[in-house]
């Protein structure tokens, strides 16, 4: 959970609860933790930009999942198609 110290306490609590009950979410969080473990890298490392980009995308996905779950069942998915 060290990788999530910048999350609000409520979000960190939700993250732990969701990891225990949602295996797909747990896998996303593990991916984030794995990538976060690759930091810090030397600023000249060509992989650094890709790692940061991937971390940002995973963090958005984690935050969105937490928000959807906090909204409860039946809440709309902002990423879903409107068709």
N, C-alpha and C. Protein backbone atom coordinates (compact mmCIF):
# COMPACT_ATOMS: atom_id res chain seq x y z
N UNK A 1 0.81 -1.19 0.00
CA UNK A 1 0.00 0.00 0.00
C UNK A 1 0.86 1.26 0.00
N UNK A 2 2.15 1.09 0.08
CA UNK A 2 3.05 2.24 0.08
C UNK A 2 2.87 3.10 -1.16
N UNK A 3 2.54 2.49 -2.27
CA UNK A 3 2.38 3.23 -3.52
C UNK A 3 1.18 4.16 -3.51
N UNK A 4 0.30 4.02 -2.52
CA UNK A 4 -0.94 4.79 -2.48
C UNK A 4 -0.99 5.79 -1.33
N UNK A 5 0.15 6.18 -0.81
CA UNK A 5 0.17 7.12 0.31
C UNK A 5 -0.40 8.48 -0.08
N UNK A 6 -0.40 8.81 -1.37
CA UNK A 6 -0.93 10.10 -1.81
C UNK A 6 -2.45 10.08 -1.97
N UNK A 7 -3.09 8.91 -1.83
CA UNK A 7 -4.55 8.82 -1.88
C UNK A 7 -5.13 9.31 -0.56
N UNK A 8 -6.35 9.84 -0.62
CA UNK A 8 -7.05 10.22 0.62
C UNK A 8 -7.25 8.96 1.46
N UNK A 9 -7.31 9.11 2.79
CA UNK A 9 -7.50 7.93 3.65
C UNK A 9 -8.74 7.11 3.28
N UNK A 10 -9.83 7.79 2.93
CA UNK A 10 -11.06 7.06 2.56
C UNK A 10 -10.84 6.22 1.31
N UNK A 11 -10.09 6.77 0.36
CA UNK A 11 -9.81 6.04 -0.88
C UNK A 11 -8.90 4.85 -0.60
N UNK A 12 -7.93 5.03 0.29
CA UNK A 12 -7.05 3.90 0.63
C UNK A 12 -7.85 2.79 1.31
N UNK A 13 -8.79 3.17 2.19
CA UNK A 13 -9.64 2.16 2.84
C UNK A 13 -10.50 1.43 1.81
N UNK A 14 -11.09 2.18 0.89
CA UNK A 14 -11.91 1.57 -0.16
C UNK A 14 -11.07 0.65 -1.03
N UNK A 15 -9.86 1.08 -1.33
CA UNK A 15 -8.95 0.28 -2.15
C UNK A 15 -8.69 -1.07 -1.48
N UNK A 16 -8.43 -1.07 -0.20
CA UNK A 16 -8.18 -2.33 0.52
C UNK A 16 -9.41 -3.22 0.51
N UNK A 17 -10.59 -2.63 0.74
CA UNK A 17 -11.82 -3.43 0.73
C UNK A 17 -12.08 -4.04 -0.64
N UNK A 18 -11.92 -3.23 -1.68
CA UNK A 18 -12.18 -3.71 -3.04
C UNK A 18 -11.18 -4.79 -3.46
N UNK A 19 -9.95 -4.64 -3.04
CA UNK A 19 -8.94 -5.66 -3.38
C UNK A 19 -9.34 -7.01 -2.81
N UNK A 20 -9.94 -7.00 -1.64
CA UNK A 20 -10.31 -8.24 -0.98
C UNK A 20 -11.50 -8.92 -1.64
N UNK A 21 -12.31 -8.15 -2.37
CA UNK A 21 -13.54 -8.72 -2.92
C UNK A 21 -13.59 -8.76 -4.45
N UNK A 22 -12.68 -8.08 -5.12
CA UNK A 22 -12.72 -7.98 -6.58
C UNK A 22 -11.37 -8.39 -7.15
N UNK A 23 -11.25 -9.63 -7.65
CA UNK A 23 -9.96 -10.10 -8.15
C UNK A 23 -9.42 -9.30 -9.34
N UNK A 24 -10.29 -8.79 -10.19
CA UNK A 24 -9.83 -7.99 -11.33
C UNK A 24 -9.23 -6.67 -10.82
N UNK A 25 -9.92 -6.04 -9.87
CA UNK A 25 -9.41 -4.80 -9.29
C UNK A 25 -8.09 -5.06 -8.58
N UNK A 26 -7.99 -6.17 -7.87
CA UNK A 26 -6.75 -6.53 -7.19
C UNK A 26 -5.60 -6.65 -8.18
N UNK A 27 -5.87 -7.22 -9.35
CA UNK A 27 -4.84 -7.36 -10.37
C UNK A 27 -4.39 -5.99 -10.89
N UNK A 28 -5.34 -5.07 -11.08
CA UNK A 28 -5.00 -3.72 -11.53
C UNK A 28 -4.10 -3.04 -10.49
N UNK A 29 -4.45 -3.19 -9.22
CA UNK A 29 -3.65 -2.57 -8.16
C UNK A 29 -2.26 -3.21 -8.09
N UNK A 30 -2.18 -4.51 -8.27
CA UNK A 30 -0.87 -5.17 -8.27
C UNK A 30 -0.01 -4.67 -9.43
N UNK A 31 -0.63 -4.46 -10.59
CA UNK A 31 0.10 -3.90 -11.73
C UNK A 31 0.65 -2.52 -11.38
N UNK A 32 -0.18 -1.71 -10.75
CA UNK A 32 0.25 -0.37 -10.34
C UNK A 32 1.44 -0.46 -9.37
N UNK A 33 1.31 -1.33 -8.38
CA UNK A 33 2.38 -1.48 -7.39
C UNK A 33 3.67 -1.97 -8.02
N UNK A 34 3.55 -2.88 -8.98
CA UNK A 34 4.74 -3.38 -9.68
C UNK A 34 5.44 -2.26 -10.44
N UNK A 35 4.66 -1.48 -11.18
CA UNK A 35 5.25 -0.37 -11.92
C UNK A 35 5.84 0.68 -10.98
N UNK A 36 5.12 0.97 -9.90
CA UNK A 36 5.61 1.96 -8.94
C UNK A 36 6.93 1.50 -8.33
N UNK A 37 7.10 0.20 -8.21
CA UNK A 37 8.34 -0.35 -7.68
C UNK A 37 9.53 -0.14 -8.60
N UNK A 38 9.26 0.16 -9.86
CA UNK A 38 10.34 0.42 -10.81
C UNK A 38 10.88 1.85 -10.68
N UNK A 39 10.17 2.68 -9.93
CA UNK A 39 10.63 4.05 -9.71
C UNK A 39 11.45 4.10 -8.43
N UNK A 40 12.35 4.96 -8.20
CA UNK A 40 12.79 5.98 -9.13
C UNK A 40 13.77 5.40 -10.13
N UNK A 41 13.74 5.95 -11.28
CA UNK A 41 14.68 5.61 -12.34
C UNK A 41 15.46 6.86 -12.68
N UNK A 42 16.57 6.65 -13.28
CA UNK A 42 17.38 7.77 -13.74
C UNK A 42 16.57 8.57 -14.76
N UNK A 43 16.63 9.87 -14.68
CA UNK A 43 15.87 10.73 -15.59
C UNK A 43 16.21 10.48 -17.05
N UNK A 44 17.39 9.95 -17.33
CA UNK A 44 17.77 9.70 -18.71
C UNK A 44 17.31 8.32 -19.21
N UNK A 45 16.71 7.53 -18.34
CA UNK A 45 16.23 6.20 -18.72
C UNK A 45 15.06 6.36 -19.70
N UNK A 46 15.16 5.80 -20.89
CA UNK A 46 14.10 5.96 -21.88
C UNK A 46 12.77 5.32 -21.46
N UNK A 47 12.80 4.39 -20.53
CA UNK A 47 11.58 3.73 -20.09
C UNK A 47 10.79 4.57 -19.08
N UNK A 48 11.42 5.58 -18.51
CA UNK A 48 10.79 6.37 -17.45
C UNK A 48 9.48 7.00 -17.91
N UNK A 49 9.45 7.59 -19.08
CA UNK A 49 8.22 8.24 -19.56
C UNK A 49 7.10 7.22 -19.73
N UNK A 50 7.41 6.04 -20.24
CA UNK A 50 6.40 5.00 -20.42
C UNK A 50 5.87 4.52 -19.07
N UNK A 51 6.76 4.36 -18.11
CA UNK A 51 6.34 3.92 -16.78
C UNK A 51 5.41 4.95 -16.15
N UNK A 52 5.78 6.23 -16.24
CA UNK A 52 4.94 7.29 -15.67
C UNK A 52 3.59 7.35 -16.37
N UNK A 53 3.58 7.19 -17.68
CA UNK A 53 2.32 7.20 -18.43
C UNK A 53 1.43 6.03 -17.99
N UNK A 54 2.01 4.86 -17.87
CA UNK A 54 1.25 3.69 -17.45
C UNK A 54 0.73 3.84 -16.03
N UNK A 55 1.56 4.38 -15.14
CA UNK A 55 1.13 4.61 -13.76
C UNK A 55 -0.06 5.57 -13.71
N UNK A 56 0.01 6.64 -14.49
CA UNK A 56 -1.08 7.61 -14.50
C UNK A 56 -2.37 6.97 -15.00
N UNK A 57 -2.28 6.16 -16.04
CA UNK A 57 -3.47 5.49 -16.58
C UNK A 57 -4.05 4.50 -15.57
N UNK A 58 -3.20 3.74 -14.92
CA UNK A 58 -3.68 2.80 -13.90
C UNK A 58 -4.29 3.53 -12.72
N UNK A 59 -3.68 4.64 -12.33
CA UNK A 59 -4.23 5.41 -11.20
C UNK A 59 -5.62 5.95 -11.55
N UNK A 60 -5.79 6.43 -12.77
CA UNK A 60 -7.13 6.90 -13.19
C UNK A 60 -8.13 5.75 -13.14
N UNK A 61 -7.71 4.58 -13.60
CA UNK A 61 -8.59 3.42 -13.59
C UNK A 61 -8.96 3.02 -12.15
N UNK A 62 -8.00 3.05 -11.26
CA UNK A 62 -8.24 2.71 -9.86
C UNK A 62 -9.19 3.71 -9.23
N UNK A 63 -8.93 5.00 -9.43
CA UNK A 63 -9.78 6.05 -8.86
C UNK A 63 -11.21 5.95 -9.42
N UNK A 64 -11.34 5.68 -10.70
CA UNK A 64 -12.67 5.56 -11.31
C UNK A 64 -13.42 4.37 -10.72
N UNK A 65 -12.72 3.27 -10.52
CA UNK A 65 -13.36 2.08 -9.95
C UNK A 65 -13.82 2.36 -8.52
N UNK A 66 -12.98 3.01 -7.74
CA UNK A 66 -13.34 3.37 -6.37
C UNK A 66 -14.56 4.28 -6.38
N UNK A 67 -14.57 5.27 -7.26
CA UNK A 67 -15.70 6.20 -7.35
C UNK A 67 -16.99 5.49 -7.73
N UNK A 68 -16.91 4.59 -8.73
CA UNK A 68 -18.10 3.85 -9.14
C UNK A 68 -18.63 3.00 -8.00
N UNK A 69 -17.74 2.36 -7.28
CA UNK A 69 -18.18 1.50 -6.18
C UNK A 69 -18.76 2.32 -5.04
N UNK A 70 -18.20 3.50 -4.81
CA UNK A 70 -18.71 4.38 -3.76
C UNK A 70 -20.10 4.89 -4.12
N UNK A 71 -20.35 5.06 -5.42
CA UNK A 71 -21.65 5.54 -5.87
C UNK A 71 -22.73 4.47 -5.72
N UNK A 72 -22.29 3.22 -5.61
CA UNK A 72 -23.23 2.13 -5.40
C UNK A 72 -23.71 1.50 -6.68
N UNK A 73 -24.45 0.40 -6.53
CA UNK A 73 -24.96 -0.31 -7.70
C UNK A 73 -25.94 0.57 -8.48
N UNK A 74 -25.90 0.41 -9.79
CA UNK A 74 -26.80 1.17 -10.63
C UNK A 74 -26.24 2.51 -11.05
N UNK A 75 -25.10 2.91 -10.49
CA UNK A 75 -24.49 4.17 -10.90
C UNK A 75 -23.97 4.02 -12.32
N UNK A 76 -24.08 5.06 -13.08
CA UNK A 76 -23.65 4.97 -14.47
C UNK A 76 -22.14 4.97 -14.55
N UNK A 77 -21.64 4.32 -15.58
CA UNK A 77 -20.20 4.24 -15.85
C UNK A 77 -19.85 5.37 -16.80
N UNK A 78 -19.07 6.39 -16.34
CA UNK A 78 -18.77 7.51 -17.21
C UNK A 78 -17.97 7.12 -18.45
N UNK A 79 -17.34 5.97 -18.43
CA UNK A 79 -16.57 5.53 -19.58
C UNK A 79 -17.38 4.67 -20.54
N UNK A 80 -18.62 4.39 -20.18
CA UNK A 80 -19.44 3.51 -21.01
C UNK A 80 -19.98 4.26 -22.22
N UNK A 81 -20.26 3.53 -23.25
CA UNK A 81 -20.83 4.10 -24.48
C UNK A 81 -22.27 4.52 -24.21
N UNK A 82 -22.69 5.59 -24.86
CA UNK A 82 -24.07 6.07 -24.68
C UNK A 82 -25.02 5.49 -25.72
N UNK A 83 -24.54 4.60 -26.56
CA UNK A 83 -25.40 3.98 -27.58
C UNK A 83 -26.16 2.83 -27.03
